[in-house]
Amino acid sequence: MAQSPILTGAKCRLEPFADQHLTARYVGWLGDPAVVRHSEQRHRKHDLESCRAYAASFAGSPHYFWAIVANDPALGHIGNINAYLDSANRVADVGILVGERASWGKGFGTDAWLTACRFLLLDQNLRKVTAGTLANNHGMLAVMRHAGMREEGRRRRQALWEGVEVDMVEAGVMRDEFAAVLKPASA
């Protein structure tokens, strides 16, 4: 896994994923149909060993894998975020899972996403961050919009979601576009 400091956002921090994050709680998120409803993880069964193997897959790679930890100690580890780097093109593809239902709808996903994008685009000097999600994943689409991401394409009827064909939306944000998102609106 690429080395990263702990990244601090307004509501949460991103900690490099470590053994302490490999818990029954984490495995439980991946087994919860509501949590993985819009994720390809909905097609898989996970246990502690499959989660450990996934975390280990980042070893020696240029990619990042962070635990999302709420600043509120009562919530603790609430999800994970990853970034797969294409170093030659200075691009990262980012994915997120906010697994702890008690944290849903409170801005943690947006804060974690903005924190990761800030690190990748501004601190690591990447040119672009990309992501994809199902067209009916309105929460993720909102997170992407908050980060200044624009739809760049669709894979029509790509996924079968609860028996319905759904488009996959591909989006991206360039470094200069993201920097503009961070600037406060002028009075």
C-alpha atoms as a PDB file:
ATOM      1  CA  MET A   1       0.000   0.000   0.000  1.00  0.00           C
ATOM      2  CA  ALA A   2       1.240   3.463  -0.778  1.00  0.00           C
ATOM      3  CA  GLN A   3       2.259   5.368   2.334  1.00  0.00           C
ATOM      4  CA  SER A   4      -0.164   7.995   3.539  1.00  0.00           C
ATOM      5  CA  PRO A   5      -0.360  10.078   6.662  1.00  0.00           C
ATOM      6  CA  ILE A   6      -3.632  10.174   8.577  1.00  0.00           C
ATOM      7  CA  LEU A   7      -5.825  12.557   6.587  1.00  0.00           C
ATOM      8  CA  THR A   8      -8.116  14.832   8.576  1.00  0.00           C
ATOM      9  CA  GLY A   9     -11.489  16.076   7.389  1.00  0.00           C
ATOM     10  CA  ALA A  10     -14.167  18.104   9.134  1.00  0.00           C
ATOM     11  CA  LYS A  11     -16.171  15.064  10.346  1.00  0.00           C
ATOM     12  CA  CYS A  12     -13.770  12.161  10.013  1.00  0.00           C
ATOM     13  CA  ARG A  13     -10.234  11.090   9.352  1.00  0.00           C
ATOM     14  CA  LEU A  14      -8.805   8.622   6.885  1.00  0.00           C
ATOM     15  CA  GLU A  15      -6.348   6.232   8.521  1.00  0.00           C
ATOM     16  CA  PRO A  16      -4.226   3.828   6.497  1.00  0.00           C
ATOM     17  CA  PHE A  17      -6.137   0.544   6.811  1.00  0.00           C
ATOM     18  CA  ALA A  18      -4.547  -1.732   9.424  1.00  0.00           C
ATOM     19  CA  ASP A  19      -5.237  -4.993  11.261  1.00  0.00           C
ATOM     20  CA  GLN A  20      -7.200  -3.106  13.932  1.00  0.00           C
ATOM     21  CA  HIS A  21      -9.835  -2.341  11.272  1.00  0.00           C
ATOM     22  CA  LEU A  22     -10.316  -6.048  10.415  1.00  0.00           C
ATOM     23  CA  THR A  23     -13.283  -6.709  12.662  1.00  0.00           C
ATOM     24  CA  ALA A  24     -16.562  -8.583  12.699  1.00  0.00           C
ATOM     25  CA  ARG A  25     -18.239  -5.178  12.375  1.00  0.00           C
ATOM     26  CA  TYR A  26     -16.465  -4.574   9.040  1.00  0.00           C
ATOM     27  CA  VAL A  27     -17.356  -8.053   7.763  1.00  0.00           C
ATOM     28  CA  GLY A  28     -20.926  -7.395   8.872  1.00  0.00           C
ATOM     29  CA  TRP A  29     -21.198  -4.361   6.622  1.00  0.00           C
ATOM     30  CA  LEU A  30     -20.302  -6.502   3.613  1.00  0.00           C
ATOM     31  CA  GLY A  31     -22.980  -9.008   4.590  1.00  0.00           C
ATOM     32  CA  ASP A  32     -25.678  -6.365   5.063  1.00  0.00           C
ATOM     33  CA  PRO A  33     -27.840  -6.152   1.909  1.00  0.00           C
ATOM     34  CA  ALA A  34     -28.704  -2.500   2.631  1.00  0.00           C
ATOM     35  CA  VAL A  35     -25.027  -1.514   2.871  1.00  0.00           C
ATOM     36  CA  VAL A  36     -23.941  -3.243  -0.343  1.00  0.00           C
ATOM     37  CA  ARG A  37     -27.174  -2.560  -2.219  1.00  0.00           C
ATOM     38  CA  HIS A  38     -25.439  -0.478  -4.932  1.00  0.00           C
ATOM     39  CA  SER A  39     -22.059  -2.226  -4.776  1.00  0.00           C
ATOM     40  CA  GLU A  40     -20.726  -5.187  -6.700  1.00  0.00           C
ATOM     41  CA  GLN A  41     -19.990  -6.620  -3.246  1.00  0.00           C
ATOM     42  CA  ARG A  42     -23.673  -7.578  -3.169  1.00  0.00           C
ATOM     43  CA  HIS A  43     -22.733 -10.581  -5.343  1.00  0.00           C
ATOM     44  CA  ARG A  44     -20.056 -11.898  -2.968  1.00  0.00           C
ATOM     45  CA  LYS A  45     -19.863 -13.525   0.440  1.00  0.00           C
ATOM     46  CA  HIS A  46     -17.207 -12.210   2.786  1.00  0.00           C
ATOM     47  CA  ASP A  47     -15.553 -13.363   5.970  1.00  0.00           C
ATOM     48  CA  LEU A  48     -12.614 -12.120   7.983  1.00  0.00           C
ATOM     49  CA  GLU A  49     -10.172 -13.975   5.718  1.00  0.00           C
ATOM     50  CA  SER A  50     -11.553 -12.480   2.486  1.00  0.00           C
ATOM     51  CA  CYS A  51     -11.348  -9.006   4.047  1.00  0.00           C
ATOM     52  CA  ARG A  52      -7.792  -9.702   5.232  1.00  0.00           C
ATOM     53  CA  ALA A  53      -6.840 -10.863   1.714  1.00  0.00           C
ATOM     54  CA  TYR A  54      -8.327  -7.695   0.202  1.00  0.00           C
ATOM     55  CA  ALA A  55      -6.366  -5.486   2.611  1.00  0.00           C
ATOM     56  CA  ALA A  56      -3.206  -7.504   1.887  1.00  0.00           C
ATOM     57  CA  SER A  57      -3.676  -6.962  -1.869  1.00  0.00           C
ATOM     58  CA  PHE A  58      -2.578  -3.345  -1.361  1.00  0.00           C
ATOM     59  CA  ALA A  59       0.855  -4.345   0.019  1.00  0.00           C
ATOM     60  CA  GLY A  60       3.679  -3.237  -2.243  1.00  0.00           C
ATOM     61  CA  SER A  61       1.299  -1.414  -4.576  1.00  0.00           C
ATOM     62  CA  PRO A  62       0.936   2.289  -5.406  1.00  0.00           C
ATOM     63  CA  HIS A  63      -2.710   2.161  -4.292  1.00  0.00           C
ATOM     64  CA  TYR A  64      -4.296   3.513  -1.111  1.00  0.00           C
ATOM     65  CA  PHE A  65      -6.732   1.860   1.293  1.00  0.00           C
ATOM     66  CA  TRP A  66      -8.045   3.910   4.205  1.00  0.00           C
ATOM     67  CA  ALA A  67     -10.405   3.283   7.089  1.00  0.00           C
ATOM     68  CA  ILE A  68     -12.927   6.089   7.560  1.00  0.00           C
ATOM     69  CA  VAL A  69     -12.962   6.913  11.276  1.00  0.00           C
ATOM     70  CA  ALA A  70     -15.533   9.383  12.616  1.00  0.00           C
ATOM     71  CA  ASN A  71     -14.216  12.183  14.788  1.00  0.00           C
ATOM     72  CA  ASP A  72     -16.975  11.157  17.213  1.00  0.00           C
ATOM     73  CA  PRO A  73     -15.360   8.313  19.221  1.00  0.00           C
ATOM     74  CA  ALA A  74     -18.799   6.753  19.796  1.00  0.00           C
ATOM     75  CA  LEU A  75     -18.974   5.946  16.065  1.00  0.00           C
ATOM     76  CA  GLY A  76     -15.335   4.972  15.421  1.00  0.00           C
ATOM     77  CA  HIS A  77     -14.581   3.074  12.189  1.00  0.00           C
ATOM     78  CA  ILE A  78     -17.565   3.672   9.898  1.00  0.00           C
ATOM     79  CA  GLY A  79     -16.328   2.654   6.464  1.00  0.00           C
ATOM     80  CA  ASN A  80     -13.481   2.394   3.993  1.00  0.00           C
ATOM     81  CA  ILE A  81     -12.218   4.264   0.961  1.00  0.00           C
ATOM     82  CA  ASN A  82      -9.711   3.168  -1.661  1.00  0.00           C
ATOM     83  CA  ALA A  83      -7.806   4.805  -4.486  1.00  0.00           C
ATOM     84  CA  TYR A  84      -6.340   2.802  -7.351  1.00  0.00           C
ATOM     85  CA  LEU A  85      -3.563   4.826  -8.962  1.00  0.00           C
ATOM     86  CA  ASP A  86      -2.540   4.922 -12.584  1.00  0.00           C
ATOM     87  CA  SER A  87       0.815   6.553 -11.879  1.00  0.00           C
ATOM     88  CA  ALA A  88       1.839   6.875 -15.532  1.00  0.00           C
ATOM     89  CA  ASN A  89      -1.211   9.031 -16.240  1.00  0.00           C
ATOM     90  CA  ARG A  90      -1.404  10.616 -12.737  1.00  0.00           C
ATOM     91  CA  VAL A  91      -5.013   9.501 -12.274  1.00  0.00           C
ATOM     92  CA  ALA A  92      -6.750   7.732  -9.391  1.00  0.00           C
ATOM     93  CA  ASP A  93     -10.025   5.813  -9.392  1.00  0.00           C
ATOM     94  CA  VAL A  94     -11.713   6.076  -5.998  1.00  0.00           C
ATOM     95  CA  GLY A  95     -14.329   3.891  -4.290  1.00  0.00           C
ATOM     96  CA  ILE A  96     -16.062   4.206  -0.938  1.00  0.00           C
ATOM     97  CA  LEU A  97     -18.155   2.131   1.440  1.00  0.00           C
ATOM     98  CA  VAL A  98     -19.822   3.808   4.406  1.00  0.00           C
ATOM     99  CA  GLY A  99     -20.903   0.708   6.259  1.00  0.00           C
ATOM    100  CA  GLU A 100     -22.060   1.960   9.630  1.00  0.00           C
ATOM    101  CA  ARG A 101     -25.752   2.761   9.177  1.00  0.00           C
ATOM    102  CA  ALA A 102     -25.805   5.124  12.191  1.00  0.00           C
ATOM    103  CA  SER A 103     -23.510   7.428  10.202  1.00  0.00           C
ATOM    104  CA  TRP A 104     -25.614   7.546   7.019  1.00  0.00           C
ATOM    105  CA  GLY A 105     -27.048  10.866   5.886  1.00  0.00           C
ATOM    106  CA  LYS A 106     -24.745  12.898   8.136  1.00  0.00           C
ATOM    107  CA  GLY A 107     -22.128  14.006   5.610  1.00  0.00           C
ATOM    108  CA  PHE A 108     -19.414  11.487   6.504  1.00  0.00           C
ATOM    109  CA  GLY A 109     -19.222  10.065   2.982  1.00  0.00           C
ATOM    110  CA  THR A 110     -18.884  13.506   1.417  1.00  0.00           C
ATOM    111  CA  ASP A 111     -16.276  14.558   3.977  1.00  0.00           C
ATOM    112  CA  ALA A 112     -14.241  11.375   3.452  1.00  0.00           C
ATOM    113  CA  TRP A 113     -14.487  11.734  -0.330  1.00  0.00           C
ATOM    114  CA  LEU A 114     -13.390  15.383  -0.294  1.00  0.00           C
ATOM    115  CA  THR A 115     -10.532  14.514   2.081  1.00  0.00           C
ATOM    116  CA  ALA A 116      -9.298  11.738  -0.221  1.00  0.00           C
ATOM    117  CA  CYS A 117      -9.627  13.933  -3.325  1.00  0.00           C
ATOM    118  CA  ARG A 118      -7.762  16.793  -1.619  1.00  0.00           C
ATOM    119  CA  PHE A 119      -4.883  14.430  -0.779  1.00  0.00           C
ATOM    120  CA  LEU A 120      -4.753  12.834  -4.223  1.00  0.00           C
ATOM    121  CA  LEU A 121      -5.167  15.945  -6.342  1.00  0.00           C
ATOM    122  CA  LEU A 122      -3.433  18.599  -4.270  1.00  0.00           C
ATOM    123  CA  ASP A 123      -0.921  16.787  -2.057  1.00  0.00           C
ATOM    124  CA  GLN A 124      -0.013  13.980  -4.472  1.00  0.00           C
ATOM    125  CA  ASN A 125      -0.318  16.235  -7.537  1.00  0.00           C
ATOM    126  CA  LEU A 126      -2.475  13.840  -9.531  1.00  0.00           C
ATOM    127  CA  ARG A 127      -4.241  15.302 -12.552  1.00  0.00           C
ATOM    128  CA  LYS A 128      -7.598  13.621 -12.123  1.00  0.00           C
ATOM    129  CA  VAL A 129      -9.817  11.519  -9.869  1.00  0.00           C
ATOM    130  CA  THR A 130     -12.445   9.232 -11.381  1.00  0.00           C
ATOM    131  CA  ALA A 131     -15.247   7.085 -10.009  1.00  0.00           C
ATOM    132  CA  GLY A 132     -18.196   5.041 -11.143  1.00  0.00           C
ATOM    133  CA  THR A 133     -21.553   4.205  -9.622  1.00  0.00           C
ATOM    134  CA  LEU A 134     -24.939   2.840 -10.569  1.00  0.00           C
ATOM    135  CA  ALA A 135     -27.242   5.517 -11.982  1.00  0.00           C
ATOM    136  CA  ASN A 136     -29.758   4.868  -9.194  1.00  0.00           C
ATOM    137  CA  ASN A 137     -27.208   5.368  -6.394  1.00  0.00           C
ATOM    138  CA  HIS A 138     -28.386   8.905  -5.629  1.00  0.00           C
ATOM    139  CA  GLY A 139     -26.286   9.237  -2.473  1.00  0.00           C
ATOM    140  CA  MET A 140     -23.043   8.498  -4.332  1.00  0.00           C
ATOM    141  CA  LEU A 141     -24.034  10.745  -7.232  1.00  0.00           C
ATOM    142  CA  ALA A 142     -24.518  13.586  -4.712  1.00  0.00           C
ATOM    143  CA  VAL A 143     -21.099  12.927  -3.154  1.00  0.00           C
ATOM    144  CA  MET A 144     -19.506  13.041  -6.596  1.00  0.00           C
ATOM    145  CA  ARG A 145     -21.282  16.333  -7.427  1.00  0.00           C
ATOM    146  CA  HIS A 146     -20.065  17.886  -4.144  1.00  0.00           C
ATOM    147  CA  ALA A 147     -16.512  17.088  -5.251  1.00  0.00           C
ATOM    148  CA  GLY A 148     -17.029  18.829  -8.598  1.00  0.00           C
ATOM    149  CA  MET A 149     -17.092  15.571 -10.537  1.00  0.00           C
ATOM    150  CA  ARG A 150     -18.770  15.632 -13.928  1.00  0.00           C
ATOM    151  CA  GLU A 151     -20.362  12.764 -15.745  1.00  0.00           C
ATOM    152  CA  GLU A 152     -17.960  11.607 -18.441  1.00  0.00           C
ATOM    153  CA  GLY A 153     -19.846   8.637 -19.763  1.00  0.00           C
ATOM    154  CA  ARG A 154     -22.326   5.866 -19.173  1.00  0.00           C
ATOM    155  CA  ARG A 155     -22.234   2.175 -19.687  1.00  0.00           C
ATOM    156  CA  ARG A 156     -25.824   1.606 -20.682  1.00  0.00           C
ATOM    157  CA  ARG A 157     -27.724  -1.133 -18.860  1.00  0.00           C
ATOM    158  CA  GLN A 158     -24.402  -2.352 -17.430  1.00  0.00           C
ATOM    159  CA  ALA A 159     -25.634  -3.879 -14.198  1.00  0.00           C
ATOM    160  CA  LEU A 160     -28.520  -6.005 -13.076  1.00  0.00           C
ATOM    161  CA  TRP A 161     -29.749  -4.395  -9.886  1.00  0.00           C
ATOM    162  CA  GLU A 162     -32.645  -6.130  -8.166  1.00  0.00           C
ATOM    163  CA  GLY A 163     -33.639  -7.591 -11.535  1.00  0.00           C
ATOM    164  CA  VAL A 164     -33.548  -4.244 -13.377  1.00  0.00           C
ATOM    165  CA  GLU A 165     -30.964  -3.153 -15.951  1.00  0.00           C
ATOM    166  CA  VAL A 166     -29.204  -0.019 -14.660  1.00  0.00           C
ATOM    167  CA  ASP A 167     -26.622   2.277 -16.246  1.00  0.00           C
ATOM    168  CA  MET A 168     -23.152   2.697 -14.753  1.00  0.00           C
ATOM    169  CA  VAL A 169     -22.248   6.383 -14.498  1.00  0.00           C
ATOM    170  CA  GLU A 170     -18.555   7.262 -14.918  1.00  0.00           C
ATOM    171  CA  ALA A 171     -17.427  10.646 -13.588  1.00  0.00           C
ATOM    172  CA  GLY A 172     -14.235  12.579 -13.029  1.00  0.00           C
ATOM    173  CA  VAL A 173     -12.770  15.785 -11.684  1.00  0.00           C
ATOM    174  CA  MET A 174      -9.555  17.482 -12.761  1.00  0.00           C
ATOM    175  CA  ARG A 175      -7.213  19.078 -10.214  1.00  0.00           C
ATOM    176  CA  ASP A 176      -8.090  22.671 -11.244  1.00  0.00           C
ATOM    177  CA  GLU A 177     -11.826  21.888 -11.099  1.00  0.00           C
ATOM    178  CA  PHE A 178     -11.461  20.418  -7.617  1.00  0.00           C
ATOM    179  CA  ALA A 179      -9.422  23.398  -6.401  1.00  0.00           C
ATOM    180  CA  ALA A 180     -12.350  25.623  -7.440  1.00  0.00           C
ATOM    181  CA  VAL A 181     -14.729  23.476  -5.330  1.00  0.00           C
ATOM    182  CA  LEU A 182     -12.602  24.194  -2.261  1.00  0.00           C
ATOM    183  CA  LYS A 183     -12.600  27.980  -2.699  1.00  0.00           C
ATOM    184  CA  PRO A 184     -15.229  29.736  -0.577  1.00  0.00           C
ATOM    185  CA  ALA A 185     -17.944  31.553  -2.508  1.00  0.00           C
ATOM    186  CA  SER A 186     -17.227  35.268  -2.751  1.00  0.00           C
ATOM    187  CA  ALA A 187     -19.546  37.576  -0.857  1.00  0.00           C
END
